[in-house]
């Protein structure tokens, strides 16, 4: 059973930074593509960034140039470094290996 534990969220002013972490278990982490998703109030959950088992990454246009996804296979952990945060980045952030397994998420709130 896949278990995902996200952390690192919080309240930050616009222009600030946060680093999210997600520890995964119950899967072959080093072979898994991992994604960061977010869900803002009243909106559908959306993919933000993805990293494959080789370390290749991709980010959506809204995050490009500001967010960086990375992984540490020795710790079964995927990270999301978020810089230049905007109020519209406010959401609950989740990681997932498949877009179907979810943890509790971590709240990110960006004040203007």
PDB file of N, CA and C in Angstrom:
ATOM      1  N   UNK A   1       0.849  -1.194   0.000  1.00  0.00           N
ATOM      2  CA  UNK A   1       0.000   0.000   0.000  1.00  0.00           C
ATOM      3  C   UNK A   1       0.884   1.242   0.000  1.00  0.00           C
ATOM      4  N   UNK A   2       0.620   2.119  -0.931  1.00  0.00           N
ATOM      5  CA  UNK A   2       1.402   3.344  -1.038  1.00  0.00           C
ATOM      6  C   UNK A   2       1.009   4.302   0.083  1.00  0.00           C
ATOM      7  N   UNK A   3       2.017   4.825   0.773  1.00  0.00           N
ATOM      8  CA  UNK A   3       1.784   5.860   1.779  1.00  0.00           C
ATOM      9  C   UNK A   3       2.626   7.078   1.432  1.00  0.00           C
ATOM     10  N   UNK A   4       2.003   8.236   1.555  1.00  0.00           N
ATOM     11  CA  UNK A   4       2.651   9.491   1.185  1.00  0.00           C
ATOM     12  C   UNK A   4       2.453  10.489   2.316  1.00  0.00           C
ATOM     13  N   UNK A   5       3.527  11.104   2.762  1.00  0.00           N
ATOM     14  CA  UNK A   5       3.455  12.081   3.843  1.00  0.00           C
ATOM     15  C   UNK A   5       4.116  13.376   3.391  1.00  0.00           C
ATOM     16  N   UNK A   6       3.278  14.387   3.171  1.00  0.00           N
ATOM     17  CA  UNK A   6       3.760  15.693   2.729  1.00  0.00           C
ATOM     18  C   UNK A   6       3.979  16.605   3.929  1.00  0.00           C
ATOM     19  N   UNK A   7       4.941  17.504   3.809  1.00  0.00           N
ATOM     20  CA  UNK A   7       5.214  18.478   4.865  1.00  0.00           C
ATOM     21  C   UNK A   7       5.897  19.693   4.258  1.00  0.00           C
ATOM     22  N   UNK A   8       6.007  20.741   5.062  1.00  0.00           N
ATOM     23  CA  UNK A   8       6.742  21.921   4.638  1.00  0.00           C
ATOM     24  C   UNK A   8       5.897  23.115   4.252  1.00  0.00           C
ATOM     25  N   UNK A   9       4.589  22.944   4.230  1.00  0.00           N
ATOM     26  CA  UNK A   9       3.715  24.060   3.897  1.00  0.00           C
ATOM     27  C   UNK A   9       3.676  25.089   5.011  1.00  0.00           C
ATOM     28  N   UNK A  10       2.975  26.185   4.730  1.00  0.00           N
ATOM     29  CA  UNK A  10       2.849  27.236   5.730  1.00  0.00           C
ATOM     30  C   UNK A  10       2.315  28.504   5.127  1.00  0.00           C
ATOM     31  N   UNK A  11       2.377  29.563   5.917  1.00  0.00           N
ATOM     32  CA  UNK A  11       1.931  30.887   5.498  1.00  0.00           C
ATOM     33  C   UNK A  11       3.165  31.709   5.137  1.00  0.00           C
ATOM     34  N   UNK A  12       3.152  32.290   3.960  1.00  0.00           N
ATOM     35  CA  UNK A  12       4.290  33.077   3.503  1.00  0.00           C
ATOM     36  C   UNK A  12       3.781  34.289   2.726  1.00  0.00           C
ATOM     37  N   UNK A  13       4.542  35.343   2.751  1.00  0.00           N
ATOM     38  CA  UNK A  13       4.166  36.540   1.994  1.00  0.00           C
ATOM     39  C   UNK A  13       4.508  36.353   0.520  1.00  0.00           C
ATOM     40  N   UNK A  14       3.805  37.055  -0.326  1.00  0.00           N
ATOM     41  CA  UNK A  14       4.101  37.037  -1.757  1.00  0.00           C
ATOM     42  C   UNK A  14       5.575  37.369  -1.985  1.00  0.00           C
ATOM     43  N   UNK A  15       6.195  36.610  -2.876  1.00  0.00           N
ATOM     44  CA  UNK A  15       7.612  36.775  -3.149  1.00  0.00           C
ATOM     45  C   UNK A  15       8.498  35.867  -2.322  1.00  0.00           C
ATOM     46  N   UNK A  16       7.911  35.222  -1.334  1.00  0.00           N
ATOM     47  CA  UNK A  16       8.672  34.341  -0.460  1.00  0.00           C
ATOM     48  C   UNK A  16       8.875  32.962  -1.044  1.00  0.00           C
ATOM     49  N   UNK A  17       9.488  32.096  -0.232  1.00  0.00           N
ATOM     50  CA  UNK A  17       9.833  30.741  -0.677  1.00  0.00           C
ATOM     51  C   UNK A  17       9.404  29.714   0.356  1.00  0.00           C
ATOM     52  N   UNK A  18       9.148  28.513  -0.126  1.00  0.00           N
ATOM     53  CA  UNK A  18       8.892  27.356   0.723  1.00  0.00           C
ATOM     54  C   UNK A  18       9.493  26.140   0.038  1.00  0.00           C
ATOM     55  N   UNK A  19       9.856  25.155   0.849  1.00  0.00           N
ATOM     56  CA  UNK A  19      10.328  23.872   0.327  1.00  0.00           C
ATOM     57  C   UNK A  19       9.446  22.777   0.896  1.00  0.00           C
ATOM     58  N   UNK A  20       8.737  22.103   0.003  1.00  0.00           N
ATOM     59  CA  UNK A  20       7.872  21.001   0.411  1.00  0.00           C
ATOM     60  C   UNK A  20       8.628  19.687   0.295  1.00  0.00           C
ATOM     61  N   UNK A  21       8.279  18.758   1.186  1.00  0.00           N
ATOM     62  CA  UNK A  21       8.853  17.417   1.156  1.00  0.00           C
ATOM     63  C   UNK A  21       7.743  16.386   1.142  1.00  0.00           C
ATOM     64  N   UNK A  22       8.009  15.266   0.530  1.00  0.00           N
ATOM     65  CA  UNK A  22       7.070  14.153   0.520  1.00  0.00           C
ATOM     66  C   UNK A  22       7.851  12.865   0.672  1.00  0.00           C
ATOM     67  N   UNK A  23       7.569  12.141   1.749  1.00  0.00           N
ATOM     68  CA  UNK A  23       8.191  10.844   1.979  1.00  0.00           C
ATOM     69  C   UNK A  23       7.219   9.765   1.527  1.00  0.00           C
ATOM     70  N   UNK A  24       7.699   8.879   0.669  1.00  0.00           N
ATOM     71  CA  UNK A  24       6.858   7.826   0.110  1.00  0.00           C
ATOM     72  C   UNK A  24       7.304   6.457   0.595  1.00  0.00           C
ATOM     73  N   UNK A  25       6.344   5.572   0.788  1.00  0.00           N
ATOM     74  CA  UNK A  25       6.645   4.188   1.149  1.00  0.00           C
ATOM     75  C   UNK A  25       5.641   3.280   0.462  1.00  0.00           C
ATOM     76  N   UNK A  26       5.974   1.986   0.436  1.00  0.00           N
ATOM     77  CA  UNK A  26       5.071   1.028  -0.184  1.00  0.00           C
ATOM     78  C   UNK A  26       5.180   0.956  -1.687  1.00  0.00           C
ATOM     79  N   UNK A  27       6.271   1.466  -2.231  1.00  0.00           N
ATOM     80  CA  UNK A  27       6.482   1.414  -3.676  1.00  0.00           C
ATOM     81  C   UNK A  27       7.978   1.388  -3.952  1.00  0.00           C
ATOM     82  N   UNK A  28       8.329   1.003  -5.182  1.00  0.00           N
ATOM     83  CA  UNK A  28       9.733   1.046  -5.598  1.00  0.00           C
ATOM     84  C   UNK A  28      10.054   2.495  -5.949  1.00  0.00           C
ATOM     85  N   UNK A  29      10.386   3.259  -4.942  1.00  0.00           N
ATOM     86  CA  UNK A  29      10.490   4.705  -5.117  1.00  0.00           C
ATOM     87  C   UNK A  29      11.477   5.069  -6.215  1.00  0.00           C
ATOM     88  N   UNK A  30      12.638   4.434  -6.212  1.00  0.00           N
ATOM     89  CA  UNK A  30      13.686   4.854  -7.156  1.00  0.00           C
ATOM     90  C   UNK A  30      13.274   4.607  -8.609  1.00  0.00           C
ATOM     91  N   UNK A  31      12.287   3.743  -8.819  1.00  0.00           N
ATOM     92  CA  UNK A  31      11.812   3.447 -10.169  1.00  0.00           C
ATOM     93  C   UNK A  31      10.554   4.231 -10.530  1.00  0.00           C
ATOM     94  N   UNK A  32      10.054   5.005  -9.580  1.00  0.00           N
ATOM     95  CA  UNK A  32       8.760   5.665  -9.755  1.00  0.00           C
ATOM     96  C   UNK A  32       8.893   7.102 -10.229  1.00  0.00           C
ATOM     97  N   UNK A  33       8.056   7.452 -11.175  1.00  0.00           N
ATOM     98  CA  UNK A  33       7.864   8.859 -11.511  1.00  0.00           C
ATOM     99  C   UNK A  33       7.006   9.477 -10.415  1.00  0.00           C
ATOM    100  N   UNK A  34       7.423  10.621  -9.922  1.00  0.00           N
ATOM    101  CA  UNK A  34       6.695  11.289  -8.832  1.00  0.00           C
ATOM    102  C   UNK A  34       6.226  12.662  -9.295  1.00  0.00           C
ATOM    103  N   UNK A  35       5.039  13.023  -8.864  1.00  0.00           N
ATOM    104  CA  UNK A  35       4.495  14.318  -9.229  1.00  0.00           C
ATOM    105  C   UNK A  35       4.040  15.098  -8.010  1.00  0.00           C
ATOM    106  N   UNK A  36       4.118  16.403  -8.122  1.00  0.00           N
ATOM    107  CA  UNK A  36       3.501  17.314  -7.157  1.00  0.00           C
ATOM    108  C   UNK A  36       2.240  17.896  -7.802  1.00  0.00           C
ATOM    109  N   UNK A  37       1.158  17.878  -7.038  1.00  0.00           N
ATOM    110  CA  UNK A  37      -0.124  18.396  -7.473  1.00  0.00           C
ATOM    111  C   UNK A  37      -0.587  19.430  -6.463  1.00  0.00           C
ATOM    112  N   UNK A  38      -1.563  20.222  -6.860  1.00  0.00           N
ATOM    113  CA  UNK A  38      -2.154  21.148  -5.907  1.00  0.00           C
ATOM    114  C   UNK A  38      -3.644  21.299  -6.186  1.00  0.00           C
ATOM    115  N   UNK A  39      -4.358  21.647  -5.131  1.00  0.00           N
ATOM    116  CA  UNK A  39      -5.795  21.884  -5.259  1.00  0.00           C
ATOM    117  C   UNK A  39      -6.150  23.138  -4.489  1.00  0.00           C
ATOM    118  N   UNK A  40      -6.578  24.141  -5.220  1.00  0.00           N
ATOM    119  CA  UNK A  40      -7.024  25.383  -4.619  1.00  0.00           C
ATOM    120  C   UNK A  40      -8.507  25.262  -4.292  1.00  0.00           C
ATOM    121  N   UNK A  41      -8.994  26.075  -3.360  1.00  0.00           N
ATOM    122  CA  UNK A  41     -10.406  26.007  -2.983  1.00  0.00           C
ATOM    123  C   UNK A  41     -11.320  26.185  -4.187  1.00  0.00           C
ATOM    124  N   UNK A  42     -12.259  25.275  -4.341  1.00  0.00           N
ATOM    125  CA  UNK A  42     -13.211  25.379  -5.427  1.00  0.00           C
ATOM    126  C   UNK A  42     -12.693  24.991  -6.788  1.00  0.00           C
ATOM    127  N   UNK A  43     -11.467  24.478  -6.848  1.00  0.00           N
ATOM    128  CA  UNK A  43     -10.866  24.118  -8.134  1.00  0.00           C
ATOM    129  C   UNK A  43     -10.466  22.645  -8.140  1.00  0.00           C
ATOM    130  N   UNK A  44     -10.269  22.125  -9.339  1.00  0.00           N
ATOM    131  CA  UNK A  44      -9.818  20.743  -9.475  1.00  0.00           C
ATOM    132  C   UNK A  44      -8.339  20.625  -9.130  1.00  0.00           C
ATOM    133  N   UNK A  45      -7.949  19.444  -8.694  1.00  0.00           N
ATOM    134  CA  UNK A  45      -6.543  19.175  -8.432  1.00  0.00           C
ATOM    135  C   UNK A  45      -5.788  19.203  -9.756  1.00  0.00           C
ATOM    136  N   UNK A  46      -4.618  19.840  -9.743  1.00  0.00           N
ATOM    137  CA  UNK A  46      -3.842  19.971 -10.973  1.00  0.00           C
ATOM    138  C   UNK A  46      -2.394  19.592 -10.733  1.00  0.00           C
ATOM    139  N   UNK A  47      -1.782  19.085 -11.783  1.00  0.00           N
ATOM    140  CA  UNK A  47      -0.369  18.729 -11.727  1.00  0.00           C
ATOM    141  C   UNK A  47       0.475  19.999 -11.773  1.00  0.00           C
ATOM    142  N   UNK A  48       1.518  20.032 -10.951  1.00  0.00           N
ATOM    143  CA  UNK A  48       2.404  21.190 -10.903  1.00  0.00           C
ATOM    144  C   UNK A  48       3.769  20.861 -11.499  1.00  0.00           C
ATOM    145  N   UNK A  49       4.313  19.710 -11.093  1.00  0.00           N
ATOM    146  CA  UNK A  49       5.651  19.336 -11.560  1.00  0.00           C
ATOM    147  C   UNK A  49       5.795  17.832 -11.453  1.00  0.00           C
ATOM    148  N   UNK A  50       6.696  17.284 -12.266  1.00  0.00           N
ATOM    149  CA  UNK A  50       6.878  15.848 -12.304  1.00  0.00           C
ATOM    150  C   UNK A  50       8.351  15.529 -12.495  1.00  0.00           C
ATOM    151  N   UNK A  51       8.794  14.417 -11.890  1.00  0.00           N
ATOM    152  CA  UNK A  51      10.177  13.984 -12.041  1.00  0.00           C
ATOM    153  C   UNK A  51      10.185  12.484 -12.255  1.00  0.00           C
ATOM    154  N   UNK A  52      10.918  12.030 -13.272  1.00  0.00           N
ATOM    155  CA  UNK A  52      10.934  10.595 -13.528  1.00  0.00           C
ATOM    156  C   UNK A  52      12.098   9.938 -12.798  1.00  0.00           C
ATOM    157  N   UNK A  53      12.236   8.633 -12.991  1.00  0.00           N
ATOM    158  CA  UNK A  53      13.240   7.873 -12.246  1.00  0.00           C
ATOM    159  C   UNK A  53      14.665   8.265 -12.625  1.00  0.00           C
ATOM    160  N   UNK A  54      14.822   8.889 -13.782  1.00  0.00           N
ATOM    161  CA  UNK A  54      16.154   9.329 -14.212  1.00  0.00           C
ATOM    162  C   UNK A  54      16.473  10.747 -13.777  1.00  0.00           C
ATOM    163  N   UNK A  55      15.502  11.395 -13.159  1.00  0.00           N
ATOM    164  CA  UNK A  55      15.710  12.769 -12.719  1.00  0.00           C
ATOM    165  C   UNK A  55      15.277  13.823 -13.714  1.00  0.00           C
ATOM    166  N   UNK A  56      14.693  13.395 -14.811  1.00  0.00           N
ATOM    167  CA  UNK A  56      14.165  14.358 -15.774  1.00  0.00           C
ATOM    168  C   UNK A  56      12.914  14.998 -15.199  1.00  0.00           C
ATOM    169  N   UNK A  57      12.801  16.302 -15.384  1.00  0.00           N
ATOM    170  CA  UNK A  57      11.698  17.038 -14.768  1.00  0.00           C
ATOM    171  C   UNK A  57      10.880  17.805 -15.786  1.00  0.00           C
ATOM    172  N   UNK A  58       9.684  18.135 -15.375  1.00  0.00           N
ATOM    173  CA  UNK A  58       8.833  18.992 -16.177  1.00  0.00           C
ATOM    174  C   UNK A  58       7.916  19.741 -15.223  1.00  0.00           C
ATOM    175  N   UNK A  59       7.693  21.002 -15.515  1.00  0.00           N
ATOM    176  CA  UNK A  59       6.792  21.806 -14.701  1.00  0.00           C
ATOM    177  C   UNK A  59       5.751  22.454 -15.592  1.00  0.00           C
ATOM    178  N   UNK A  60       4.602  22.737 -15.013  1.00  0.00           N
ATOM    179  CA  UNK A  60       3.558  23.392 -15.787  1.00  0.00           C
ATOM    180  C   UNK A  60       3.929  24.860 -15.995  1.00  0.00           C
ATOM    181  N   UNK A  61       3.258  25.482 -16.931  1.00  0.00           N
ATOM    182  CA  UNK A  61       3.588  26.865 -17.268  1.00  0.00           C
ATOM    183  C   UNK A  61       3.460  27.791 -16.063  1.00  0.00           C
ATOM    184  N   UNK A  62       2.470  27.520 -15.206  1.00  0.00           N
ATOM    185  CA  UNK A  62       2.245  28.404 -14.057  1.00  0.00           C
ATOM    186  C   UNK A  62       3.396  28.335 -13.053  1.00  0.00           C
ATOM    187  N   UNK A  63       4.153  27.249 -13.065  1.00  0.00           N
ATOM    188  CA  UNK A  63       5.239  27.052 -12.104  1.00  0.00           C
ATOM    189  C   UNK A  63       6.622  27.205 -12.727  1.00  0.00           C
ATOM    190  N   UNK A  64       6.668  27.226 -14.028  1.00  0.00           N
ATOM    191  CA  UNK A  64       7.960  27.233 -14.714  1.00  0.00           C
ATOM    192  C   UNK A  64       8.773  28.468 -14.324  1.00  0.00           C
ATOM    193  N   UNK A  65      10.040  28.219 -13.999  1.00  0.00           N
ATOM    194  CA  UNK A  65      10.919  29.316 -13.625  1.00  0.00           C
ATOM    195  C   UNK A  65      10.844  29.696 -12.158  1.00  0.00           C
ATOM    196  N   UNK A  66       9.843  29.151 -11.451  1.00  0.00           N
ATOM    197  CA  UNK A  66       9.688  29.474 -10.021  1.00  0.00           C
ATOM    198  C   UNK A  66       9.789  28.236  -9.139  1.00  0.00           C
ATOM    199  N   UNK A  67       9.268  27.109  -9.612  1.00  0.00           N
ATOM    200  CA  UNK A  67       9.237  25.873  -8.820  1.00  0.00           C
ATOM    201  C   UNK A  67      10.242  24.881  -9.395  1.00  0.00           C
ATOM    202  N   UNK A  68      10.901  24.150  -8.493  1.00  0.00           N
ATOM    203  CA  UNK A  68      11.841  23.112  -8.909  1.00  0.00           C
ATOM    204  C   UNK A  68      11.541  21.834  -8.145  1.00  0.00           C
ATOM    205  N   UNK A  69      11.353  20.753  -8.890  1.00  0.00           N
ATOM    206  CA  UNK A  69      11.124  19.444  -8.275  1.00  0.00           C
ATOM    207  C   UNK A  69      12.440  18.682  -8.260  1.00  0.00           C
ATOM    208  N   UNK A  70      12.679  17.959  -7.190  1.00  0.00           N
ATOM    209  CA  UNK A  70      13.886  17.137  -7.087  1.00  0.00           C
ATOM    210  C   UNK A  70      13.575  15.917  -6.231  1.00  0.00           C
ATOM    211  N   UNK A  71      14.513  14.990  -6.173  1.00  0.00           N
ATOM    212  CA  UNK A  71      14.277  13.761  -5.407  1.00  0.00           C
ATOM    213  C   UNK A  71      15.565  13.285  -4.774  1.00  0.00           C
ATOM    214  N   UNK A  72      15.402  12.557  -3.669  1.00  0.00           N
ATOM    215  CA  UNK A  72      16.519  11.885  -3.001  1.00  0.00           C
ATOM    216  C   UNK A  72      16.099  10.441  -2.816  1.00  0.00           C
ATOM    217  N   UNK A  73      16.574   9.572  -3.679  1.00  0.00           N
ATOM    218  CA  UNK A  73      16.159   8.175  -3.629  1.00  0.00           C
ATOM    219  C   UNK A  73      16.617   7.477  -2.354  1.00  0.00           C
ATOM    220  N   UNK A  74      17.695   7.959  -1.754  1.00  0.00           N
ATOM    221  CA  UNK A  74      18.184   7.341  -0.511  1.00  0.00           C
ATOM    222  C   UNK A  74      17.231   7.601   0.649  1.00  0.00           C
ATOM    223  N   UNK A  75      16.391   8.613   0.501  1.00  0.00           N
ATOM    224  CA  UNK A  75      15.440   8.968   1.555  1.00  0.00           C
ATOM    225  C   UNK A  75      13.994   8.760   1.124  1.00  0.00           C
ATOM    226  N   UNK A  76      13.779   8.171  -0.053  1.00  0.00           N
ATOM    227  CA  UNK A  76      12.414   7.994  -0.587  1.00  0.00           C
ATOM    228  C   UNK A  76      11.621   9.300  -0.515  1.00  0.00           C
ATOM    229  N   UNK A  77      12.281  10.392  -0.869  1.00  0.00           N
ATOM    230  CA  UNK A  77      11.684  11.711  -0.702  1.00  0.00           C
ATOM    231  C   UNK A  77      11.749  12.502  -2.000  1.00  0.00           C
ATOM    232  N   UNK A  78      10.653  13.186  -2.280  1.00  0.00           N
ATOM    233  CA  UNK A  78      10.600  14.123  -3.397  1.00  0.00           C
ATOM    234  C   UNK A  78      10.337  15.518  -2.821  1.00  0.00           C
ATOM    235  N   UNK A  79      10.980  16.506  -3.405  1.00  0.00           N
ATOM    236  CA  UNK A  79      10.906  17.885  -2.910  1.00  0.00           C
ATOM    237  C   UNK A  79      10.287  18.797  -3.961  1.00  0.00           C
ATOM    238  N   UNK A  80       9.727  19.898  -3.485  1.00  0.00           N
ATOM    239  CA  UNK A  80       9.288  20.966  -4.372  1.00  0.00           C
ATOM    240  C   UNK A  80       9.770  22.281  -3.772  1.00  0.00           C
ATOM    241  N   UNK A  81      10.773  22.869  -4.398  1.00  0.00           N
ATOM    242  CA  UNK A  81      11.254  24.182  -3.994  1.00  0.00           C
ATOM    243  C   UNK A  81      10.424  25.226  -4.722  1.00  0.00           C
ATOM    244  N   UNK A  82       9.772  26.076  -3.956  1.00  0.00           N
ATOM    245  CA  UNK A  82       8.883  27.078  -4.533  1.00  0.00           C
ATOM    246  C   UNK A  82       9.423  28.464  -4.196  1.00  0.00           C
ATOM    247  N   UNK A  83       9.761  29.216  -5.222  1.00  0.00           N
ATOM    248  CA  UNK A  83      10.271  30.573  -5.061  1.00  0.00           C
ATOM    249  C   UNK A  83       9.310  31.566  -5.704  1.00  0.00           C
ATOM    250  N   UNK A  84       9.476  32.823  -5.361  1.00  0.00           N
ATOM    251  CA  UNK A  84       8.649  33.891  -5.941  1.00  0.00           C
ATOM    252  C   UNK A  84       7.172  33.537  -5.855  1.00  0.00           C
ATOM    253  N   UNK A  85       6.744  33.132  -4.686  1.00  0.00           N
ATOM    254  CA  UNK A  85       5.366  32.679  -4.524  1.00  0.00           C
ATOM    255  C   UNK A  85       4.379  33.809  -4.730  1.00  0.00           C
ATOM    256  N   UNK A  86       3.224  33.437  -5.272  1.00  0.00           N
ATOM    257  CA  UNK A  86       2.146  34.383  -5.564  1.00  0.00           C
ATOM    258  C   UNK A  86       0.895  33.956  -4.812  1.00  0.00           C
ATOM    259  N   UNK A  87      -0.018  34.897  -4.552  1.00  0.00           N
ATOM    260  CA  UNK A  87      -1.264  34.517  -3.869  1.00  0.00           C
ATOM    261  C   UNK A  87      -2.007  33.386  -4.596  1.00  0.00           C
ATOM    262  N   UNK A  88      -1.910  33.346  -5.909  1.00  0.00           N
ATOM    263  CA  UNK A  88      -2.608  32.301  -6.664  1.00  0.00           C
ATOM    264  C   UNK A  88      -1.969  30.922  -6.512  1.00  0.00           C
ATOM    265  N   UNK A  89      -0.831  30.843  -5.829  1.00  0.00           N
ATOM    266  CA  UNK A  89      -0.231  29.549  -5.514  1.00  0.00           C
ATOM    267  C   UNK A  89      -0.855  28.931  -4.264  1.00  0.00           C
ATOM    268  N   UNK A  90      -1.717  29.670  -3.601  1.00  0.00           N
ATOM    269  CA  UNK A  90      -2.382  29.161  -2.405  1.00  0.00           C
ATOM    270  C   UNK A  90      -3.203  27.918  -2.741  1.00  0.00           C
ATOM    271  N   UNK A  91      -2.916  26.829  -2.037  1.00  0.00           N
ATOM    272  CA  UNK A  91      -3.563  25.545  -2.316  1.00  0.00           C
ATOM    273  C   UNK A  91      -3.064  24.514  -1.312  1.00  0.00           C
ATOM    274  N   UNK A  92      -3.714  23.356  -1.329  1.00  0.00           N
ATOM    275  CA  UNK A  92      -3.163  22.186  -0.654  1.00  0.00           C
ATOM    276  C   UNK A  92      -2.320  21.445  -1.680  1.00  0.00           C
ATOM    277  N   UNK A  93      -1.093  21.140  -1.305  1.00  0.00           N
ATOM    278  CA  UNK A  93      -0.150  20.486  -2.209  1.00  0.00           C
ATOM    279  C   UNK A  93      -0.001  19.014  -1.823  1.00  0.00           C
ATOM    280  N   UNK A  94      -0.022  18.182  -2.851  1.00  0.00           N
ATOM    281  CA  UNK A  94       0.069  16.735  -2.674  1.00  0.00           C
ATOM    282  C   UNK A  94       1.157  16.172  -3.585  1.00  0.00           C
ATOM    283  N   UNK A  95       1.742  15.064  -3.164  1.00  0.00           N
ATOM    284  CA  UNK A  95       2.594  14.311  -4.079  1.00  0.00           C
ATOM    285  C   UNK A  95       1.899  12.998  -4.409  1.00  0.00           C
ATOM    286  N   UNK A  96       2.245  12.430  -5.538  1.00  0.00           N
ATOM    287  CA  UNK A  96       1.651  11.162  -5.951  1.00  0.00           C
ATOM    288  C   UNK A  96       2.508  10.494  -7.015  1.00  0.00           C
ATOM    289  N   UNK A  97       2.598   9.178  -6.976  1.00  0.00           N
ATOM    290  CA  UNK A  97       3.328   8.462  -8.015  1.00  0.00           C
ATOM    291  C   UNK A  97       2.468   8.154  -9.234  1.00  0.00           C
ATOM    292  N   UNK A  98       1.168   8.340  -9.103  1.00  0.00           N
ATOM    293  CA  UNK A  98       0.293   7.858 -10.172  1.00  0.00           C
ATOM    294  C   UNK A  98      -0.966   8.683 -10.377  1.00  0.00           C
ATOM    295  N   UNK A  99      -1.117   9.752  -9.621  1.00  0.00           N
ATOM    296  CA  UNK A  99      -2.316  10.574  -9.775  1.00  0.00           C
ATOM    297  C   UNK A  99      -3.557   9.954  -9.160  1.00  0.00           C
ATOM    298  N   UNK A 100      -3.362   8.865  -8.405  1.00  0.00           N
ATOM    299  CA  UNK A 100      -4.510   8.220  -7.764  1.00  0.00           C
ATOM    300  C   UNK A 100      -4.275   7.996  -6.268  1.00  0.00           C
ATOM    301  N   UNK A 101      -3.034   7.842  -5.871  1.00  0.00           N
ATOM    302  CA  UNK A 101      -2.694   7.656  -4.457  1.00  0.00           C
ATOM    303  C   UNK A 101      -2.345   9.006  -3.864  1.00  0.00           C
ATOM    304  N   UNK A 102      -2.916   9.280  -2.698  1.00  0.00           N
ATOM    305  CA  UNK A 102      -2.751  10.604  -2.111  1.00  0.00           C
ATOM    306  C   UNK A 102      -2.445  10.504  -0.628  1.00  0.00           C
ATOM    307  N   UNK A 103      -1.708  11.482  -0.133  1.00  0.00           N
ATOM    308  CA  UNK A 103      -1.513  11.666   1.288  1.00  0.00           C
ATOM    309  C   UNK A 103      -2.481  12.716   1.784  1.00  0.00           C
ATOM    310  N   UNK A 104      -2.145  13.278   2.945  1.00  0.00           N
ATOM    311  CA  UNK A 104      -3.038  14.280   3.537  1.00  0.00           C
ATOM    312  C   UNK A 104      -2.812  15.662   2.940  1.00  0.00           C
ATOM    313  N   UNK A 105      -1.695  15.822   2.251  1.00  0.00           N
ATOM    314  CA  UNK A 105      -1.379  17.125   1.661  1.00  0.00           C
ATOM    315  C   UNK A 105      -0.785  18.090   2.675  1.00  0.00           C
ATOM    316  N   UNK A 106      -0.271  19.180   2.173  1.00  0.00           N
ATOM    317  CA  UNK A 106       0.268  20.245   3.028  1.00  0.00           C
ATOM    318  C   UNK A 106      -0.226  21.585   2.508  1.00  0.00           C
ATOM    319  N   UNK A 107      -0.753  22.395   3.407  1.00  0.00           N
ATOM    320  CA  UNK A 107      -1.375  23.668   3.026  1.00  0.00           C
ATOM    321  C   UNK A 107      -0.306  24.733   2.780  1.00  0.00           C
ATOM    322  N   UNK A 108      -0.415  25.398   1.661  1.00  0.00           N
ATOM    323  CA  UNK A 108       0.428  26.554   1.346  1.00  0.00           C
ATOM    324  C   UNK A 108      -0.491  27.755   1.188  1.00  0.00           C
ATOM    325  N   UNK A 109      -0.223  28.790   1.955  1.00  0.00           N
ATOM    326  CA  UNK A 109      -1.008  30.015   1.884  1.00  0.00           C
ATOM    327  C   UNK A 109      -0.069  31.178   1.630  1.00  0.00           C
ATOM    328  N   UNK A 110      -0.328  31.901   0.557  1.00  0.00           N
ATOM    329  CA  UNK A 110       0.511  33.039   0.184  1.00  0.00           C
ATOM    330  C   UNK A 110      -0.320  34.305   0.327  1.00  0.00           C
ATOM    331  N   UNK A 111       0.132  35.183   1.199  1.00  0.00           N
ATOM    332  CA  UNK A 111      -0.580  36.435   1.427  1.00  0.00           C
ATOM    333  C   UNK A 111      -0.025  37.540   0.531  1.00  0.00           C
ATOM    334  N   UNK A 112      -0.899  38.439   0.154  1.00  0.00           N
ATOM    335  CA  UNK A 112      -0.481  39.539  -0.738  1.00  0.00           C
ATOM    336  C   UNK A 112       0.020  40.730   0.054  1.00  0.00           C
TER     337      UNK A 112
END
